[in-house]
Amino acid sequence: MPRVLAIVAVHVVGRLCLCTVAWPLSVCGRKRLRWQTLAQLWPYSGPWTDWEGGYFPLTIQFSEDYPRRPPKCKFPRGFFHPNVYPSGSACLSILNEESGWEPSITVKKILEVIQDFLDQPNPADPAQPDGGQLFIQERTEYRRRVRQQAKQFPLPV
């Protein structure tokens, strides 16, 4: 089995180019149990996104039962997004063990879904009531908060 050093997912949606790089933080035997990622979202010769310029750290924790059980995906504590809990845990249906998870879902697919969900939150199922309410009722303030957060996570040097 080849050694996996990193996974790079590049995904073009409409006119947005989405990129994620992931690498293992800890290895137990031949299993990679914990991955660190940086997700970036930027315009691809088209409309501008409020997440532009931010590199958003995401930790993916795999259990010993992976792929039968989904990994846990966490942004930094307090990350502002309607579908991220205050603890940083991502609220995504494909990571829900009871309803959306399938063992055939790849790490690349998880990263692509996370990239999409940054710019396209689901306000019907908010993990942060404030973020969900701002997204629905006060879009200008929501966009300001997203741009402010993107500046808090610049490209690591």
N, C-alpha and C. Protein backbone atom coordinates (compact mmCIF):
# COMPACT_ATOMS: atom_id res chain seq x y z
N MET A 1 0.85 -1.19 0.00
CA MET A 1 0.00 0.00 0.00
C MET A 1 0.89 1.24 0.00
N PRO A 2 0.68 2.18 -0.93
CA PRO A 2 1.51 3.38 -0.96
C PRO A 2 1.25 4.27 0.25
N ARG A 3 2.27 4.96 0.65
CA ARG A 3 2.16 5.86 1.79
C ARG A 3 1.51 7.16 1.36
N VAL A 4 0.48 7.58 2.09
CA VAL A 4 -0.22 8.83 1.76
C VAL A 4 0.40 9.95 2.58
N LEU A 5 0.99 10.91 1.91
CA LEU A 5 1.58 12.05 2.60
C LEU A 5 0.62 13.22 2.64
N ALA A 6 -0.16 13.40 1.58
CA ALA A 6 -1.10 14.52 1.54
C ALA A 6 -2.19 14.22 0.53
N ILE A 7 -3.31 14.84 0.75
CA ILE A 7 -4.41 14.78 -0.20
C ILE A 7 -4.70 16.21 -0.62
N VAL A 8 -4.78 16.44 -1.89
CA VAL A 8 -5.12 17.77 -2.39
C VAL A 8 -6.42 17.64 -3.17
N ALA A 9 -7.39 18.43 -2.80
CA ALA A 9 -8.67 18.44 -3.52
C ALA A 9 -8.84 19.82 -4.14
N VAL A 10 -8.97 19.86 -5.43
CA VAL A 10 -9.26 21.11 -6.14
C VAL A 10 -10.59 20.91 -6.84
N HIS A 11 -11.48 21.82 -6.64
CA HIS A 11 -12.85 21.66 -7.10
C HIS A 11 -13.32 23.00 -7.65
N VAL A 12 -13.78 23.01 -8.88
CA VAL A 12 -14.30 24.25 -9.46
C VAL A 12 -15.82 24.14 -9.48
N VAL A 13 -16.47 25.08 -8.81
CA VAL A 13 -17.93 25.14 -8.76
C VAL A 13 -18.32 26.48 -9.37
N GLY A 14 -18.99 26.43 -10.50
CA GLY A 14 -19.32 27.68 -11.17
C GLY A 14 -18.03 28.41 -11.48
N ARG A 15 -17.87 29.56 -10.89
CA ARG A 15 -16.67 30.35 -11.11
C ARG A 15 -15.81 30.45 -9.87
N LEU A 16 -16.03 29.56 -8.90
CA LEU A 16 -15.20 29.54 -7.70
C LEU A 16 -14.27 28.35 -7.75
N CYS A 17 -13.02 28.57 -7.41
CA CYS A 17 -12.05 27.50 -7.31
C CYS A 17 -11.84 27.22 -5.84
N LEU A 18 -11.97 25.97 -5.44
CA LEU A 18 -11.87 25.57 -4.05
C LEU A 18 -10.68 24.62 -3.91
N CYS A 19 -9.85 24.84 -2.93
CA CYS A 19 -8.67 24.00 -2.77
C CYS A 19 -8.50 23.60 -1.32
N THR A 20 -8.17 22.34 -1.10
CA THR A 20 -7.90 21.85 0.24
C THR A 20 -6.65 20.97 0.18
N VAL A 21 -5.80 21.12 1.15
CA VAL A 21 -4.63 20.26 1.30
C VAL A 21 -4.76 19.59 2.66
N ALA A 22 -4.52 18.29 2.73
CA ALA A 22 -4.60 17.57 4.00
C ALA A 22 -3.37 16.70 4.17
N TRP A 23 -2.90 16.58 5.40
CA TRP A 23 -1.74 15.72 5.68
C TRP A 23 -1.95 15.08 7.05
N PRO A 24 -1.39 13.87 7.25
CA PRO A 24 -1.60 13.17 8.52
C PRO A 24 -0.80 13.81 9.66
N LEU A 25 -1.45 13.96 10.82
CA LEU A 25 -0.78 14.45 12.02
C LEU A 25 -0.29 13.29 12.87
N SER A 26 -1.08 12.23 12.93
CA SER A 26 -0.66 11.08 13.73
C SER A 26 -1.00 9.81 12.97
N VAL A 27 -0.14 8.83 13.13
CA VAL A 27 -0.32 7.58 12.43
C VAL A 27 -0.25 6.46 13.47
N CYS A 28 -1.22 5.56 13.42
CA CYS A 28 -1.25 4.41 14.33
C CYS A 28 -1.15 3.17 13.44
N GLY A 29 0.00 2.53 13.44
CA GLY A 29 0.19 1.40 12.53
C GLY A 29 0.13 1.90 11.11
N ARG A 30 -0.77 1.33 10.32
CA ARG A 30 -0.92 1.75 8.93
C ARG A 30 -2.10 2.70 8.76
N LYS A 31 -2.82 2.99 9.84
CA LYS A 31 -3.98 3.87 9.75
C LYS A 31 -3.58 5.30 10.07
N ARG A 32 -4.06 6.22 9.30
CA ARG A 32 -3.87 7.64 9.58
C ARG A 32 -5.10 8.09 10.36
N LEU A 33 -4.93 8.34 11.65
CA LEU A 33 -6.08 8.60 12.52
C LEU A 33 -6.43 10.08 12.64
N ARG A 34 -5.51 10.95 12.41
CA ARG A 34 -5.79 12.37 12.59
C ARG A 34 -5.12 13.14 11.47
N TRP A 35 -5.91 13.96 10.79
CA TRP A 35 -5.41 14.75 9.66
C TRP A 35 -5.61 16.23 9.95
N GLN A 36 -4.69 17.02 9.50
CA GLN A 36 -4.82 18.48 9.58
C GLN A 36 -5.03 18.97 8.15
N THR A 37 -5.94 19.90 7.97
CA THR A 37 -6.16 20.45 6.63
C THR A 37 -6.19 21.96 6.68
N LEU A 38 -5.99 22.55 5.53
CA LEU A 38 -6.22 23.98 5.34
C LEU A 38 -7.15 24.09 4.14
N ALA A 39 -8.29 24.69 4.34
CA ALA A 39 -9.25 24.87 3.26
C ALA A 39 -9.19 26.31 2.78
N GLN A 40 -9.12 26.49 1.49
CA GLN A 40 -9.08 27.83 0.92
C GLN A 40 -10.16 27.94 -0.14
N LEU A 41 -10.75 29.10 -0.21
CA LEU A 41 -11.80 29.38 -1.18
C LEU A 41 -11.43 30.69 -1.86
N TRP A 42 -11.38 30.71 -3.17
CA TRP A 42 -11.07 31.96 -3.85
C TRP A 42 -11.80 32.02 -5.18
N PRO A 43 -12.01 33.24 -5.71
CA PRO A 43 -12.73 33.36 -6.97
C PRO A 43 -11.90 32.85 -8.13
N TYR A 44 -12.56 32.23 -9.07
CA TYR A 44 -11.91 31.72 -10.26
C TYR A 44 -12.43 32.52 -11.43
N SER A 45 -11.75 33.60 -11.74
CA SER A 45 -12.11 34.53 -12.81
C SER A 45 -13.61 34.82 -12.84
N GLY A 46 -14.14 35.14 -11.70
CA GLY A 46 -15.57 35.41 -11.64
C GLY A 46 -15.95 36.09 -10.35
N PRO A 47 -17.14 35.80 -9.84
CA PRO A 47 -17.65 36.51 -8.67
C PRO A 47 -16.77 36.31 -7.44
N TRP A 48 -16.76 37.30 -6.64
CA TRP A 48 -15.96 37.33 -5.41
C TRP A 48 -16.71 36.64 -4.30
N THR A 49 -16.01 35.94 -3.42
CA THR A 49 -16.64 35.31 -2.26
C THR A 49 -16.14 35.98 -1.00
N ASP A 50 -16.97 36.04 0.02
CA ASP A 50 -16.58 36.67 1.28
C ASP A 50 -15.52 35.87 2.03
N TRP A 51 -15.34 34.61 1.69
CA TRP A 51 -14.35 33.76 2.35
C TRP A 51 -12.96 33.90 1.71
N GLU A 52 -12.87 34.68 0.65
CA GLU A 52 -11.62 34.82 -0.10
C GLU A 52 -10.45 35.22 0.80
N GLY A 53 -9.31 34.60 0.56
CA GLY A 53 -8.09 34.96 1.27
C GLY A 53 -7.88 34.24 2.58
N GLY A 54 -8.89 33.55 3.07
CA GLY A 54 -8.73 32.84 4.33
C GLY A 54 -8.29 31.40 4.09
N TYR A 55 -7.42 30.91 4.95
CA TYR A 55 -7.01 29.51 4.96
C TYR A 55 -7.52 28.96 6.29
N PHE A 56 -8.50 28.10 6.24
CA PHE A 56 -9.24 27.72 7.43
C PHE A 56 -8.80 26.34 7.93
N PRO A 57 -8.14 26.30 9.10
CA PRO A 57 -7.66 25.02 9.61
C PRO A 57 -8.81 24.11 10.01
N LEU A 58 -8.68 22.85 9.65
CA LEU A 58 -9.69 21.85 9.92
C LEU A 58 -8.97 20.57 10.33
N THR A 59 -9.37 20.00 11.46
CA THR A 59 -8.80 18.73 11.90
C THR A 59 -9.81 17.63 11.62
N ILE A 60 -9.35 16.55 11.02
CA ILE A 60 -10.21 15.40 10.74
C ILE A 60 -9.69 14.26 11.59
N GLN A 61 -10.54 13.77 12.49
CA GLN A 61 -10.17 12.69 13.41
C GLN A 61 -10.89 11.41 12.98
N PHE A 62 -10.11 10.39 12.69
CA PHE A 62 -10.66 9.10 12.29
C PHE A 62 -10.66 8.15 13.48
N SER A 63 -11.73 7.38 13.63
CA SER A 63 -11.78 6.38 14.70
C SER A 63 -11.20 5.07 14.17
N GLU A 64 -11.01 4.14 15.06
CA GLU A 64 -10.53 2.81 14.66
C GLU A 64 -11.56 2.12 13.76
N ASP A 65 -12.83 2.56 13.83
CA ASP A 65 -13.90 1.94 13.05
C ASP A 65 -14.09 2.57 11.67
N TYR A 66 -13.23 3.50 11.29
CA TYR A 66 -13.32 4.11 9.97
C TYR A 66 -12.97 3.02 8.94
N PRO A 67 -13.71 2.87 7.87
CA PRO A 67 -14.75 3.74 7.32
C PRO A 67 -16.19 3.38 7.72
N ARG A 68 -16.36 2.42 8.64
CA ARG A 68 -17.74 2.11 9.05
C ARG A 68 -18.37 3.28 9.78
N ARG A 69 -17.56 4.07 10.49
CA ARG A 69 -18.04 5.27 11.18
C ARG A 69 -17.37 6.49 10.57
N PRO A 70 -18.10 7.61 10.51
CA PRO A 70 -17.51 8.80 9.88
C PRO A 70 -16.44 9.44 10.76
N PRO A 71 -15.54 10.18 10.14
CA PRO A 71 -14.57 10.94 10.93
C PRO A 71 -15.25 12.16 11.56
N LYS A 72 -14.59 12.74 12.54
CA LYS A 72 -15.05 13.99 13.16
C LYS A 72 -14.25 15.12 12.54
N CYS A 73 -14.92 16.16 12.10
CA CYS A 73 -14.27 17.31 11.47
C CYS A 73 -14.46 18.54 12.35
N LYS A 74 -13.34 19.19 12.70
CA LYS A 74 -13.42 20.35 13.59
C LYS A 74 -12.61 21.52 13.06
N PHE A 75 -13.26 22.68 13.07
CA PHE A 75 -12.61 23.95 12.84
C PHE A 75 -12.14 24.47 14.20
N PRO A 76 -11.40 25.57 14.24
CA PRO A 76 -11.01 26.12 15.55
C PRO A 76 -12.25 26.48 16.38
N ARG A 77 -12.14 26.36 17.69
CA ARG A 77 -13.22 26.73 18.61
C ARG A 77 -13.66 28.17 18.31
N GLY A 78 -14.97 28.39 18.25
CA GLY A 78 -15.50 29.72 18.01
C GLY A 78 -15.55 30.12 16.54
N PHE A 79 -15.27 29.21 15.62
CA PHE A 79 -15.30 29.50 14.18
C PHE A 79 -16.71 29.94 13.80
N PHE A 80 -16.82 31.08 13.11
CA PHE A 80 -18.13 31.63 12.76
C PHE A 80 -18.63 31.01 11.45
N HIS A 81 -19.69 30.24 11.56
CA HIS A 81 -20.38 29.67 10.39
C HIS A 81 -21.68 29.06 10.91
N PRO A 82 -22.78 29.25 10.19
CA PRO A 82 -24.05 28.72 10.67
C PRO A 82 -24.04 27.23 10.97
N ASN A 83 -23.21 26.46 10.27
CA ASN A 83 -23.22 25.01 10.43
C ASN A 83 -21.98 24.47 11.13
N VAL A 84 -21.37 25.31 11.97
CA VAL A 84 -20.25 24.88 12.80
C VAL A 84 -20.63 25.18 14.25
N TYR A 85 -20.60 24.14 15.09
CA TYR A 85 -20.92 24.33 16.51
C TYR A 85 -19.88 25.22 17.17
N PRO A 86 -20.22 25.88 18.29
CA PRO A 86 -19.24 26.71 19.00
C PRO A 86 -17.95 25.95 19.36
N SER A 87 -18.04 24.64 19.51
CA SER A 87 -16.86 23.83 19.80
C SER A 87 -15.94 23.69 18.58
N GLY A 88 -16.46 24.04 17.39
CA GLY A 88 -15.70 23.91 16.16
C GLY A 88 -16.12 22.71 15.32
N SER A 89 -16.95 21.83 15.86
CA SER A 89 -17.39 20.64 15.11
C SER A 89 -18.29 21.03 13.95
N ALA A 90 -18.01 20.45 12.79
CA ALA A 90 -18.80 20.72 11.60
C ALA A 90 -20.09 19.91 11.64
N CYS A 91 -21.19 20.57 11.31
CA CYS A 91 -22.51 19.92 11.27
C CYS A 91 -22.84 19.66 9.80
N LEU A 92 -22.51 18.45 9.35
CA LEU A 92 -22.74 18.08 7.95
C LEU A 92 -23.49 16.76 7.90
N SER A 93 -24.47 16.68 7.04
CA SER A 93 -25.27 15.45 6.96
C SER A 93 -24.42 14.25 6.56
N ILE A 94 -23.43 14.43 5.69
CA ILE A 94 -22.64 13.27 5.27
C ILE A 94 -21.76 12.73 6.40
N LEU A 95 -21.58 13.51 7.48
CA LEU A 95 -20.79 13.05 8.62
C LEU A 95 -21.67 12.52 9.75
N ASN A 96 -22.98 12.47 9.51
CA ASN A 96 -23.93 11.98 10.50
C ASN A 96 -24.02 10.46 10.40
N GLU A 97 -23.57 9.80 11.44
CA GLU A 97 -23.50 8.33 11.43
C GLU A 97 -24.87 7.68 11.23
N GLU A 98 -25.94 8.30 11.75
CA GLU A 98 -27.27 7.70 11.66
C GLU A 98 -27.95 7.94 10.32
N SER A 99 -27.64 9.04 9.65
CA SER A 99 -28.44 9.34 8.46
C SER A 99 -27.68 9.57 7.17
N GLY A 100 -26.50 10.14 7.19
CA GLY A 100 -25.88 10.51 5.93
C GLY A 100 -24.59 9.79 5.60
N TRP A 101 -23.95 9.17 6.58
CA TRP A 101 -22.65 8.56 6.35
C TRP A 101 -22.76 7.24 5.58
N GLU A 102 -21.86 7.08 4.62
CA GLU A 102 -21.70 5.82 3.90
C GLU A 102 -20.21 5.52 3.85
N PRO A 103 -19.81 4.29 4.09
CA PRO A 103 -18.38 3.95 4.08
C PRO A 103 -17.67 4.25 2.77
N SER A 104 -18.42 4.41 1.68
CA SER A 104 -17.81 4.71 0.39
C SER A 104 -17.41 6.18 0.24
N ILE A 105 -17.80 7.03 1.18
CA ILE A 105 -17.45 8.46 1.10
C ILE A 105 -15.96 8.61 1.37
N THR A 106 -15.27 9.21 0.43
CA THR A 106 -13.81 9.36 0.53
C THR A 106 -13.43 10.63 1.28
N VAL A 107 -12.18 10.70 1.70
CA VAL A 107 -11.68 11.92 2.34
C VAL A 107 -11.77 13.08 1.36
N LYS A 108 -11.46 12.83 0.10
CA LYS A 108 -11.55 13.89 -0.91
C LYS A 108 -12.98 14.43 -0.98
N LYS A 109 -13.98 13.55 -0.96
CA LYS A 109 -15.38 13.99 -1.01
C LYS A 109 -15.73 14.81 0.23
N ILE A 110 -15.26 14.39 1.40
CA ILE A 110 -15.51 15.15 2.63
C ILE A 110 -14.94 16.55 2.49
N LEU A 111 -13.72 16.66 1.98
CA LEU A 111 -13.09 17.98 1.83
C LEU A 111 -13.85 18.84 0.82
N GLU A 112 -14.32 18.24 -0.27
CA GLU A 112 -15.08 19.00 -1.25
C GLU A 112 -16.40 19.51 -0.65
N VAL A 113 -17.08 18.68 0.12
CA VAL A 113 -18.34 19.08 0.76
C VAL A 113 -18.09 20.20 1.75
N ILE A 114 -17.00 20.11 2.51
CA ILE A 114 -16.67 21.17 3.48
C ILE A 114 -16.38 22.47 2.76
N GLN A 115 -15.67 22.40 1.65
CA GLN A 115 -15.41 23.62 0.88
C GLN A 115 -16.72 24.24 0.40
N ASP A 116 -17.62 23.41 -0.13
CA ASP A 116 -18.91 23.92 -0.60
C ASP A 116 -19.73 24.53 0.53
N PHE A 117 -19.71 23.88 1.69
CA PHE A 117 -20.56 24.34 2.78
C PHE A 117 -20.06 25.65 3.37
N LEU A 118 -18.78 25.99 3.21
CA LEU A 118 -18.31 27.28 3.69
C LEU A 118 -19.09 28.42 3.04
N ASP A 119 -19.19 28.38 1.73
CA ASP A 119 -19.84 29.47 1.01
C ASP A 119 -21.34 29.27 0.82
N GLN A 120 -21.83 28.06 1.09
CA GLN A 120 -23.24 27.76 0.92
C GLN A 120 -23.80 27.08 2.17
N PRO A 121 -23.94 27.83 3.26
CA PRO A 121 -24.42 27.21 4.50
C PRO A 121 -25.88 26.77 4.39
N ASN A 122 -26.26 25.90 5.32
CA ASN A 122 -27.65 25.43 5.40
C ASN A 122 -28.30 26.12 6.60
N PRO A 123 -29.00 27.24 6.38
CA PRO A 123 -29.60 27.97 7.50
C PRO A 123 -30.78 27.23 8.13
N ALA A 124 -31.29 26.19 7.48
CA ALA A 124 -32.42 25.43 8.03
C ALA A 124 -31.98 24.53 9.18
N ASP A 125 -30.68 24.26 9.28
CA ASP A 125 -30.17 23.37 10.32
C ASP A 125 -28.94 24.00 10.98
N PRO A 126 -29.14 25.15 11.66
CA PRO A 126 -27.97 25.86 12.19
C PRO A 126 -27.40 25.21 13.45
N ALA A 127 -26.08 25.16 13.50
CA ALA A 127 -25.38 24.72 14.71
C ALA A 127 -25.08 25.94 15.58
N GLN A 128 -25.08 27.11 14.96
CA GLN A 128 -24.92 28.39 15.65
C GLN A 128 -26.16 29.23 15.32
N PRO A 129 -27.08 29.35 16.25
CA PRO A 129 -28.29 30.13 15.95
C PRO A 129 -27.99 31.55 15.46
N ASP A 130 -26.98 32.20 16.05
CA ASP A 130 -26.66 33.57 15.62
C ASP A 130 -26.24 33.60 14.15
N GLY A 131 -25.37 32.67 13.76
CA GLY A 131 -24.90 32.62 12.38
C GLY A 131 -26.03 32.33 11.42
N GLY A 132 -26.90 31.39 11.77
CA GLY A 132 -28.03 31.06 10.91
C GLY A 132 -29.00 32.22 10.76
N GLN A 133 -29.25 32.90 11.88
CA GLN A 133 -30.18 34.04 11.84
C GLN A 133 -29.60 35.20 11.03
N LEU A 134 -28.30 35.47 11.21
CA LEU A 134 -27.67 36.53 10.42
C LEU A 134 -27.71 36.20 8.94
N PHE A 135 -27.44 34.95 8.59
CA PHE A 135 -27.44 34.56 7.19
C PHE A 135 -28.81 34.79 6.55
N ILE A 136 -29.88 34.51 7.29
CA ILE A 136 -31.23 34.65 6.76
C ILE A 136 -31.72 36.11 6.80
N GLN A 137 -31.53 36.78 7.94
CA GLN A 137 -32.17 38.08 8.16
C GLN A 137 -31.28 39.28 7.92
N GLU A 138 -29.99 39.15 8.14
CA GLU A 138 -29.09 40.30 8.02
C GLU A 138 -27.86 39.90 7.21
N ARG A 139 -28.08 39.67 5.94
CA ARG A 139 -27.01 39.16 5.08
C ARG A 139 -25.80 40.07 5.04
N THR A 140 -26.00 41.38 5.09
CA THR A 140 -24.86 42.31 5.07
C THR A 140 -23.97 42.11 6.29
N GLU A 141 -24.56 41.96 7.46
CA GLU A 141 -23.78 41.73 8.68
C GLU A 141 -23.12 40.35 8.64
N TYR A 142 -23.82 39.36 8.12
CA TYR A 142 -23.25 38.03 7.98
C TYR A 142 -22.00 38.09 7.11
N ARG A 143 -22.11 38.73 5.97
CA ARG A 143 -20.97 38.84 5.05
C ARG A 143 -19.81 39.59 5.69
N ARG A 144 -20.10 40.62 6.48
CA ARG A 144 -19.04 41.36 7.17
C ARG A 144 -18.30 40.45 8.15
N ARG A 145 -19.04 39.66 8.89
CA ARG A 145 -18.43 38.72 9.85
C ARG A 145 -17.57 37.68 9.15
N VAL A 146 -18.04 37.19 8.01
CA VAL A 146 -17.27 36.20 7.25
C VAL A 146 -15.97 36.83 6.75
N ARG A 147 -16.03 38.03 6.20
CA ARG A 147 -14.82 38.71 5.71
C ARG A 147 -13.85 38.97 6.86
N GLN A 148 -14.38 39.35 8.01
CA GLN A 148 -13.54 39.58 9.20
C GLN A 148 -12.84 38.28 9.61
N GLN A 149 -13.56 37.18 9.58
CA GLN A 149 -12.97 35.89 9.95
C GLN A 149 -11.91 35.46 8.94
N ALA A 150 -12.15 35.70 7.66
CA ALA A 150 -11.16 35.34 6.64
C ALA A 150 -9.83 36.05 6.92
N LYS A 151 -9.89 37.27 7.41
CA LYS A 151 -8.67 38.01 7.74
C LYS A 151 -7.98 37.42 8.97
N GLN A 152 -8.73 36.76 9.85
CA GLN A 152 -8.14 36.14 11.05
C GLN A 152 -7.36 34.88 10.73
N PHE A 153 -7.58 34.31 9.54
CA PHE A 153 -6.90 33.07 9.15
C PHE A 153 -6.15 33.29 7.83
N PRO A 154 -5.08 34.10 7.86
CA PRO A 154 -4.33 34.34 6.63
C PRO A 154 -3.48 33.12 6.25
N LEU A 155 -2.92 33.17 5.08
CA LEU A 155 -2.03 32.11 4.60
C LEU A 155 -0.90 31.90 5.60
N PRO A 156 -0.72 30.66 6.07
CA PRO A 156 0.39 30.41 6.99
C PRO A 156 1.73 30.54 6.27
N VAL A 157 2.69 31.08 6.96
CA VAL A 157 4.00 31.30 6.33
C VAL A 157 4.98 30.25 6.80
